Amino acid sequence: MILIPLLLAAACSDRAPQDTAPPSNSSIQETALPPSSAAPPPDTSRPGAIDVFRDWVVGCDNVLDCKATVLGTEAGDFPLITLAVERKAGPLGPIRIGFSGRDGEVTPPFTVEVDGRVVASGGMTTPAGAYITGPDAQRIAAALVNGQQATLTAGAGTRETVSLAGASAALRYIDAEQGRAGTQSAIVARGPASATAAPAPALPVVQVPAIGGTPAAVTSELLASMRTQGDCEAYDDEYGAPRIHALSDVVTMVSLPCARGAYNAINAVFLIEDGEARPAPFDADPSMSPEDGAVPTITNGEFANGIFDSFAKGRGLGDCGIAQKFAWDGERFRLVEQSEMPECRGSSDTIPTFRAQVERTGGD
C-alpha cells in the first residue's frame, strides 16, 4: 500500500531560514550588467523556485512574475491579515500589494503602517483578490525594505502586526530574478541604470482537445490489475469507488482511490485503452507521487473538462502544501498551473511557480 509521504517535512521542520542577502538599503547603488552579460532566458517549461528568508517566502513563476509574502510566527499561528508584494515581469512590471485574511476575504480600505508610520491607505477588491496598486503600492514596497514590522488594517478595523524580518532579502530576490538589480526600477538593489528589465517571457501553450466519448467498462479484473500496479489499498466504502472519465472514444481515465489520511486523499491515475490499464503519463510530478516509475497519484484531486485540479496539504490547517492543475493534451497530462507554500507557518497565501495558456481545440 502507498503510504502517505511526509509532505514538506523539511519545510515544516524547526529549521530557521536565514536572511542571506546583503544588508538592505533602498539607496544602494549597483552596476547593471551589460546586455551581453545578461542571464539567459528562463526555461518556461519548468516551475520556478521558491526561497525563504526568515519570516518571508518568495518565488517567481516560469515567466518571471514574482511574489513575496509574510509568514506567521514560528509556532504556525495564523495572522488575521497577511501582506504580499507581487511584481509582474518586463520593463513596465507594476507592483501591487495583496492582502489575505485568516477567516476568509478581507475588504478595503486597507492601511499599511511600517514601524508606526502610515505609509498608504486605500485599495480595491478584484476577482483575483484584494490589492493596493499604483504609486501607493510602490511606496509600501519601498517602506518594507528597512522596516522592522508592519501593522495592517482592513475593513472596519481588523488589525494585525506582522514581521518584516527577511522582507528586504525577499524583495532583493525579485529584483535579481527579474533583471532589475542596479537599475532605477529595482525595489531594493537600486542603481543608476535606466529602469528596464528583461522582456517578459511568453507563456507556454497547452492545447486541450474536446473531452468526451463512451467510457470503457471497468471490470473487476481491471480494478485488481490497477490496484496491484499502484500498490493501492482496497476500500469497501464509498471512498473506494473509482472515478471514470472518457477522454475520447478510445481512451478512458480512471482515478482510483489508493490511500488516505486525515486530510489527504490519494488516487492513482490510469488510462484504459484496448482493454488494458496503464499508468497515466504526466509531464511533471503530481504533488504526492511516489518514486519514479511508479503509478502517478493525484492528491485531493477533482477532474472536469480535461483538467485535474489538486491540492496536497502539508498539514490539516491547510497553510502549506502544493496546488496543481494538469490538462489532458490528447497524449498526457500537462502541468498548466502550480502554486506552493513550503512553510507551515500560518499563511493562507501561496506562491505561484508555474502558468501555461490553455487552448481548447476540437469543440467549445
Protein backbone atom coordinates (compact mmCIF):
# COMPACT_ATOMS: atom_id res chain seq x y z
CA MET A 1 0.00 0.00 0.00
CA ILE A 2 1.24 3.51 -0.79
CA LEU A 3 1.97 5.28 2.48
CA ILE A 4 1.19 8.99 2.66
CA PRO A 5 4.62 10.66 2.50
CA LEU A 6 5.77 13.32 4.89
CA LEU A 7 4.93 16.15 2.53
CA LEU A 8 7.06 19.20 3.09
CA ALA A 9 8.71 17.61 6.11
CA ALA A 10 11.84 19.67 5.70
CA ALA A 11 9.92 22.86 5.05
CA CYS A 12 7.72 22.41 8.08
CA SER A 13 10.58 21.48 10.37
CA ASP A 14 12.17 23.66 13.01
CA ARG A 15 14.73 24.96 10.52
CA ALA A 16 15.18 28.71 10.87
CA PRO A 17 15.71 30.16 7.37
CA GLN A 18 18.44 32.76 7.29
CA ASP A 19 18.39 36.12 5.58
CA THR A 20 21.49 35.59 3.46
CA ALA A 21 21.14 38.61 1.22
CA PRO A 22 23.38 41.64 1.86
CA PRO A 23 22.02 44.24 4.30
CA SER A 24 19.21 46.12 2.61
CA ASN A 25 19.30 49.81 1.79
CA SER A 26 16.98 51.30 -0.78
CA SER A 27 19.73 53.73 -1.82
CA ILE A 28 22.33 51.06 -2.59
CA GLN A 29 23.98 51.76 -5.93
CA GLU A 30 24.83 48.72 -8.04
CA THR A 31 26.09 48.47 -11.59
CA ALA A 32 23.70 46.82 -14.00
CA LEU A 33 25.06 44.04 -16.17
CA PRO A 34 25.52 44.97 -19.82
CA PRO A 35 23.15 43.21 -22.24
CA SER A 36 25.90 40.82 -23.39
CA SER A 37 26.23 39.56 -19.81
CA ALA A 38 22.51 39.23 -19.14
CA ALA A 39 21.25 35.98 -17.75
CA PRO A 40 19.81 33.52 -20.26
CA PRO A 41 16.02 33.49 -20.62
CA PRO A 42 14.22 31.22 -18.17
CA ASP A 43 13.11 27.73 -19.08
CA THR A 44 9.38 28.39 -19.26
CA SER A 45 8.61 24.66 -19.37
CA ARG A 46 9.60 24.20 -15.72
CA PRO A 47 8.24 25.67 -12.47
CA GLY A 48 10.20 28.46 -10.84
CA ALA A 49 11.95 28.14 -7.50
CA ILE A 50 10.94 29.30 -4.02
CA ASP A 51 13.21 30.63 -1.27
CA VAL A 52 12.66 31.51 2.38
CA PHE A 53 14.22 34.48 4.17
CA ARG A 54 13.38 34.40 7.88
CA ASP A 55 9.71 35.46 8.07
CA TRP A 56 9.15 35.84 4.33
CA VAL A 57 8.70 33.43 1.41
CA VAL A 58 9.43 34.48 -2.18
CA GLY A 59 9.34 32.90 -5.59
CA CYS A 60 8.85 33.56 -9.29
CA ASP A 61 6.90 31.56 -11.81
CA ASN A 62 8.17 30.23 -15.13
CA VAL A 63 7.58 33.60 -16.86
CA LEU A 64 9.20 35.64 -14.05
CA ASP A 65 6.12 37.07 -12.38
CA CYS A 66 7.21 37.16 -8.74
CA LYS A 67 5.61 37.25 -5.31
CA ALA A 68 6.85 37.60 -1.73
CA THR A 69 4.57 37.03 1.25
CA VAL A 70 4.90 37.23 5.02
CA LEU A 71 4.59 34.21 7.31
CA GLY A 72 3.10 33.79 10.74
CA THR A 73 5.16 33.02 13.79
CA GLU A 74 7.45 30.01 14.06
CA ALA A 75 4.67 28.39 16.10
CA GLY A 76 2.50 28.45 13.00
CA ASP A 77 -0.10 30.91 14.28
CA PHE A 78 -2.46 32.30 11.65
CA PRO A 79 -2.19 36.11 11.38
CA LEU A 80 -5.58 37.81 10.98
CA ILE A 81 -4.22 39.56 7.88
CA THR A 82 -1.15 38.83 5.73
CA LEU A 83 0.55 41.01 3.17
CA ALA A 84 2.23 40.10 -0.13
CA VAL A 85 4.29 42.05 -2.67
CA GLU A 86 3.66 41.00 -6.27
CA ARG A 87 5.51 42.24 -9.33
CA LYS A 88 4.94 41.43 -12.99
CA ALA A 89 7.89 40.70 -15.26
CA GLY A 90 9.02 43.02 -18.04
CA PRO A 91 10.22 46.61 -18.27
CA LEU A 92 6.94 48.11 -17.07
CA GLY A 93 6.31 45.42 -14.44
CA PRO A 94 3.89 47.02 -11.97
CA ILE A 95 3.90 46.35 -8.23
CA ARG A 96 0.79 45.50 -6.28
CA ILE A 97 0.31 44.79 -2.58
CA GLY A 98 -2.03 41.91 -1.84
CA PHE A 99 -3.98 41.23 1.37
CA SER A 100 -5.30 37.88 2.62
CA GLY A 101 -7.37 37.08 5.68
CA ARG A 102 -7.23 34.18 8.08
CA ASP A 103 -11.01 33.88 8.19
CA GLY A 104 -11.71 34.48 4.51
CA GLU A 105 -11.71 37.53 2.29
CA VAL A 106 -10.57 40.88 3.64
CA THR A 107 -12.10 44.09 2.38
CA PRO A 108 -10.84 47.63 1.86
CA PRO A 109 -9.99 50.18 2.93
CA PHE A 110 -6.55 48.87 3.85
CA THR A 111 -3.97 50.80 5.83
CA VAL A 112 -0.30 49.84 6.00
CA GLU A 113 1.88 51.22 8.78
CA VAL A 114 5.61 50.49 8.94
CA ASP A 115 7.21 50.96 12.36
CA GLY A 116 4.29 53.12 13.44
CA ARG A 117 4.19 55.37 10.38
CA VAL A 118 1.24 55.23 7.99
CA VAL A 119 2.58 54.57 4.50
CA ALA A 120 -0.61 54.25 2.45
CA SER A 121 -4.36 53.62 2.68
CA GLY A 122 -6.99 52.55 0.17
CA GLY A 123 -7.22 49.53 -2.06
CA MET A 124 -9.75 47.52 -4.01
CA THR A 125 -11.25 44.04 -4.28
CA THR A 126 -10.94 42.21 -7.62
CA PRO A 127 -11.83 38.66 -8.73
CA ALA A 128 -8.17 37.82 -8.18
CA GLY A 129 -8.01 39.21 -4.64
CA ALA A 130 -7.70 42.38 -2.58
CA TYR A 131 -4.96 44.87 -3.51
CA ILE A 132 -3.39 48.28 -3.27
CA THR A 133 -1.89 49.27 -6.63
CA GLY A 134 -0.15 52.18 -8.34
CA PRO A 135 2.13 54.68 -6.56
CA ASP A 136 0.80 53.62 -3.15
CA ALA A 137 1.95 50.05 -3.81
CA GLN A 138 5.41 51.31 -4.76
CA ARG A 139 5.61 53.36 -1.56
CA ILE A 140 4.63 50.36 0.55
CA ALA A 141 7.21 48.09 -1.10
CA ALA A 142 9.94 50.67 -0.57
CA ALA A 143 8.93 51.16 3.08
CA LEU A 144 9.14 47.42 3.81
CA VAL A 145 12.83 47.35 2.88
CA ASN A 146 14.17 48.94 6.06
CA GLY A 147 11.26 48.32 8.40
CA GLN A 148 11.04 46.04 11.42
CA GLN A 149 7.30 45.36 11.47
CA ALA A 150 4.17 46.31 9.57
CA THR A 151 0.73 46.88 11.04
CA LEU A 152 -2.13 46.08 8.67
CA THR A 153 -5.71 47.27 9.00
CA ALA A 154 -8.61 46.09 6.85
CA GLY A 155 -12.29 46.95 6.57
CA ALA A 156 -13.97 48.10 9.73
CA GLY A 157 -10.87 47.71 11.88
CA THR A 158 -9.42 44.20 11.67
CA ARG A 159 -5.80 44.76 12.64
CA GLU A 160 -2.63 42.65 12.64
CA THR A 161 1.09 43.27 13.09
CA VAL A 162 3.48 41.15 11.01
CA SER A 163 7.25 40.78 10.88
CA LEU A 164 9.43 42.38 8.22
CA ALA A 165 12.44 40.21 9.05
CA GLY A 166 13.56 38.88 5.67
CA ALA A 167 11.37 41.22 3.62
CA SER A 168 14.34 43.13 2.23
CA ALA A 169 16.09 39.93 1.11
CA ALA A 170 12.88 38.62 -0.45
CA LEU A 171 12.37 41.82 -2.45
CA ARG A 172 16.04 41.82 -3.48
CA TYR A 173 15.45 38.28 -4.77
CA ILE A 174 12.68 39.63 -7.01
CA ASP A 175 14.99 42.40 -8.29
CA ALA A 176 17.62 39.81 -9.23
CA GLU A 177 15.26 37.31 -10.84
CA GLN A 178 13.63 39.98 -12.99
CA GLY A 179 16.95 41.53 -14.07
CA ARG A 180 16.36 44.83 -12.26
CA ALA A 181 19.42 44.87 -9.99
CA GLY A 182 21.38 48.08 -10.45
CA THR A 183 18.52 49.87 -12.21
CA GLN A 184 16.11 52.60 -11.21
CA SER A 185 13.22 50.14 -11.36
CA ALA A 186 14.55 47.89 -8.58
CA ILE A 187 12.83 47.82 -5.20
CA VAL A 188 15.97 47.19 -3.12
CA ALA A 189 19.02 46.85 -5.38
CA ARG A 190 18.60 50.28 -6.95
CA GLY A 191 21.25 51.76 -9.19
CA PRO A 192 21.73 54.43 -11.84
CA ALA A 193 20.94 52.33 -14.89
CA SER A 194 17.75 53.05 -16.82
CA ALA A 195 14.59 51.49 -15.44
CA THR A 196 14.45 48.50 -17.73
CA ALA A 197 14.21 44.77 -17.28
CA ALA A 198 14.30 41.69 -19.45
CA PRO A 199 11.18 41.29 -21.59
CA ALA A 200 8.51 39.12 -20.03
CA PRO A 201 8.76 35.58 -21.46
CA ALA A 202 5.75 34.16 -23.30
CA LEU A 203 3.56 31.62 -21.57
CA PRO A 204 3.85 28.03 -22.79
CA VAL A 205 0.71 26.87 -24.62
CA VAL A 206 -1.11 23.62 -23.88
CA GLN A 207 -3.81 22.53 -26.32
CA VAL A 208 -6.70 20.59 -24.80
CA PRO A 209 -8.96 18.61 -27.14
CA ALA A 210 -12.68 18.19 -26.63
CA ILE A 211 -13.22 15.70 -23.82
CA GLY A 212 -15.92 13.04 -24.04
CA GLY A 213 -16.99 9.77 -25.58
CA THR A 214 -18.09 6.40 -24.29
CA PRO A 215 -16.09 5.25 -21.26
CA ALA A 216 -14.62 1.77 -21.26
CA ALA A 217 -16.06 -0.87 -18.99
CA VAL A 218 -14.00 -1.16 -15.82
CA THR A 219 -14.16 -4.82 -14.89
CA SER A 220 -13.21 -6.33 -11.56
CA GLU A 221 -10.15 -7.79 -13.30
CA LEU A 222 -9.07 -4.33 -14.45
CA LEU A 223 -9.61 -2.92 -10.96
CA ALA A 224 -7.49 -5.70 -9.47
CA SER A 225 -4.77 -5.06 -12.05
CA MET A 226 -4.72 -1.32 -11.26
CA ARG A 227 -4.58 -1.90 -7.52
CA THR A 228 -1.68 -4.28 -7.99
CA GLN A 229 0.20 -1.85 -10.27
CA GLY A 230 -0.35 1.04 -7.87
CA ASP A 231 0.13 -0.99 -4.67
CA CYS A 232 -3.19 0.50 -3.59
CA GLU A 233 -5.36 -0.25 -0.62
CA ALA A 234 -8.84 -1.65 -1.43
CA TYR A 235 -11.67 0.28 0.23
CA ASP A 236 -15.16 -1.13 0.66
CA ASP A 237 -16.86 2.17 1.49
CA GLU A 238 -17.99 4.97 -0.79
CA TYR A 239 -14.46 6.37 -0.87
CA GLY A 240 -13.24 3.26 -2.69
CA ALA A 241 -15.32 3.79 -5.84
CA PRO A 242 -13.15 4.61 -8.88
CA ARG A 243 -13.87 7.79 -10.80
CA ILE A 244 -14.18 7.03 -14.51
CA HIS A 245 -13.98 9.64 -17.28
CA ALA A 246 -13.96 9.13 -21.05
CA LEU A 247 -11.20 11.25 -22.55
CA SER A 248 -12.22 10.09 -26.03
CA ASP A 249 -13.98 7.10 -27.59
CA VAL A 250 -10.78 5.09 -27.29
CA VAL A 251 -9.16 6.36 -24.06
CA THR A 252 -10.71 6.24 -20.59
CA MET A 253 -9.15 7.74 -17.47
CA VAL A 254 -9.61 6.08 -14.09
CA SER A 255 -8.83 7.88 -10.82
CA LEU A 256 -8.54 5.03 -8.33
CA PRO A 257 -8.62 5.63 -4.54
CA CYS A 258 -5.29 4.33 -3.31
CA ALA A 259 -4.51 5.76 0.14
CA ARG A 260 -6.00 8.26 2.54
CA GLY A 261 -5.15 10.10 5.70
CA ALA A 262 -6.70 12.69 7.95
CA TYR A 263 -6.61 15.46 5.32
CA ASN A 264 -5.22 13.96 2.11
CA ALA A 265 -6.97 11.52 -0.21
CA ILE A 266 -4.59 9.99 -2.75
CA ASN A 267 -5.76 8.49 -6.04
CA ALA A 268 -3.67 6.55 -8.56
CA VAL A 269 -4.32 7.63 -12.16
CA PHE A 270 -4.63 5.14 -15.03
CA LEU A 271 -5.60 5.10 -18.69
CA ILE A 272 -7.63 2.25 -20.17
CA GLU A 273 -7.09 1.59 -23.85
CA ASP A 274 -7.85 -1.59 -25.81
CA GLY A 275 -8.97 -3.27 -22.62
CA GLU A 276 -5.66 -2.72 -20.82
CA ALA A 277 -4.87 -0.40 -17.91
CA ARG A 278 -1.59 1.52 -17.77
CA PRO A 279 -0.29 4.38 -15.61
CA ALA A 280 -1.37 7.76 -16.97
CA PRO A 281 1.56 9.84 -18.26
CA PHE A 282 2.24 13.23 -16.64
CA ASP A 283 4.84 15.73 -17.81
CA ALA A 284 5.58 16.83 -14.22
CA ASP A 285 5.35 15.13 -10.85
CA PRO A 286 1.88 15.29 -9.34
CA SER A 287 2.09 16.60 -5.83
CA MET A 288 2.47 13.38 -3.86
CA SER A 289 3.53 10.83 -6.44
CA PRO A 290 5.84 8.08 -5.25
CA GLU A 291 9.26 7.35 -6.72
CA ASP A 292 9.99 7.50 -10.46
CA GLY A 293 8.49 4.65 -12.44
CA ALA A 294 5.56 4.05 -10.12
CA VAL A 295 1.95 4.92 -10.88
CA PRO A 296 1.36 8.70 -10.65
CA THR A 297 -1.03 9.85 -7.95
CA ILE A 298 -3.21 12.91 -7.50
CA THR A 299 -3.95 14.28 -4.02
CA ASN A 300 -7.39 15.68 -3.21
CA GLY A 301 -7.94 15.78 -6.96
CA GLU A 302 -11.00 16.66 -9.00
CA PHE A 303 -11.30 16.16 -12.77
CA ALA A 304 -13.54 18.24 -15.02
CA ASN A 305 -13.45 19.35 -18.65
CA GLY A 306 -9.99 17.93 -19.24
CA ILE A 307 -8.38 19.50 -16.15
CA PHE A 308 -7.17 17.77 -12.98
CA ASP A 309 -7.24 20.18 -10.03
CA SER A 310 -5.43 19.14 -6.84
CA PHE A 311 -4.18 20.48 -3.54
CA ALA A 312 -1.88 18.39 -1.37
CA LYS A 313 -1.94 19.74 2.17
CA GLY A 314 1.21 19.78 4.26
CA ARG A 315 -0.99 19.68 7.36
CA GLY A 316 -4.66 19.78 8.20
CA LEU A 317 -4.78 23.55 8.73
CA GLY A 318 -4.12 23.96 5.01
CA ASP A 319 -1.50 26.67 5.50
CA CYS A 320 1.13 24.80 3.49
CA GLY A 321 1.23 22.43 0.55
CA ILE A 322 1.15 22.48 -3.22
CA ALA A 323 -1.75 23.17 -5.59
CA GLN A 324 -1.55 21.98 -9.19
CA LYS A 325 -3.63 21.78 -12.35
CA PHE A 326 -2.94 19.30 -15.14
CA ALA A 327 -4.60 19.39 -18.58
CA TRP A 328 -5.08 16.40 -20.89
CA ASP A 329 -3.50 17.23 -24.28
CA GLY A 330 -4.52 14.02 -26.03
CA GLU A 331 -1.39 12.12 -25.06
CA ARG A 332 -0.52 13.04 -21.49
CA PHE A 333 -1.45 15.27 -18.60
CA ARG A 334 0.41 18.57 -18.83
CA LEU A 335 1.09 20.91 -15.93
CA VAL A 336 -0.74 24.21 -16.54
CA GLU A 337 -0.74 25.81 -13.09
CA GLN A 338 1.16 25.40 -9.83
CA SER A 339 1.40 27.35 -6.59
CA GLU A 340 3.17 26.43 -3.38
CA MET A 341 3.62 27.29 0.27
CA PRO A 342 6.60 25.39 1.66
CA GLU A 343 6.42 26.75 5.22
CA CYS A 344 3.70 25.58 7.64
CA ARG A 345 3.56 28.92 9.44
CA GLY A 346 0.02 30.21 9.30
CA SER A 347 -0.07 31.83 5.86
CA SER A 348 -3.22 31.30 3.82
CA ASP A 349 -1.36 32.64 0.78
CA THR A 350 0.64 30.68 -1.81
CA ILE A 351 3.43 31.49 -4.27
CA PRO A 352 2.65 30.82 -7.97
CA THR A 353 5.51 28.92 -9.63
CA PHE A 354 4.04 27.85 -12.98
CA ARG A 355 1.46 29.00 -15.51
CA ALA A 356 0.53 27.93 -19.01
CA GLN A 357 -2.04 29.13 -21.52
CA VAL A 358 -4.76 26.54 -22.13
CA GLU A 359 -6.22 26.49 -25.64
CA ARG A 360 -9.31 24.40 -26.33
CA THR A 361 -9.39 22.59 -29.66
CA GLY A 362 -11.93 20.43 -31.48
CA GLY A 363 -15.01 21.86 -29.76
CA ASP A 364 -16.36 24.57 -27.49
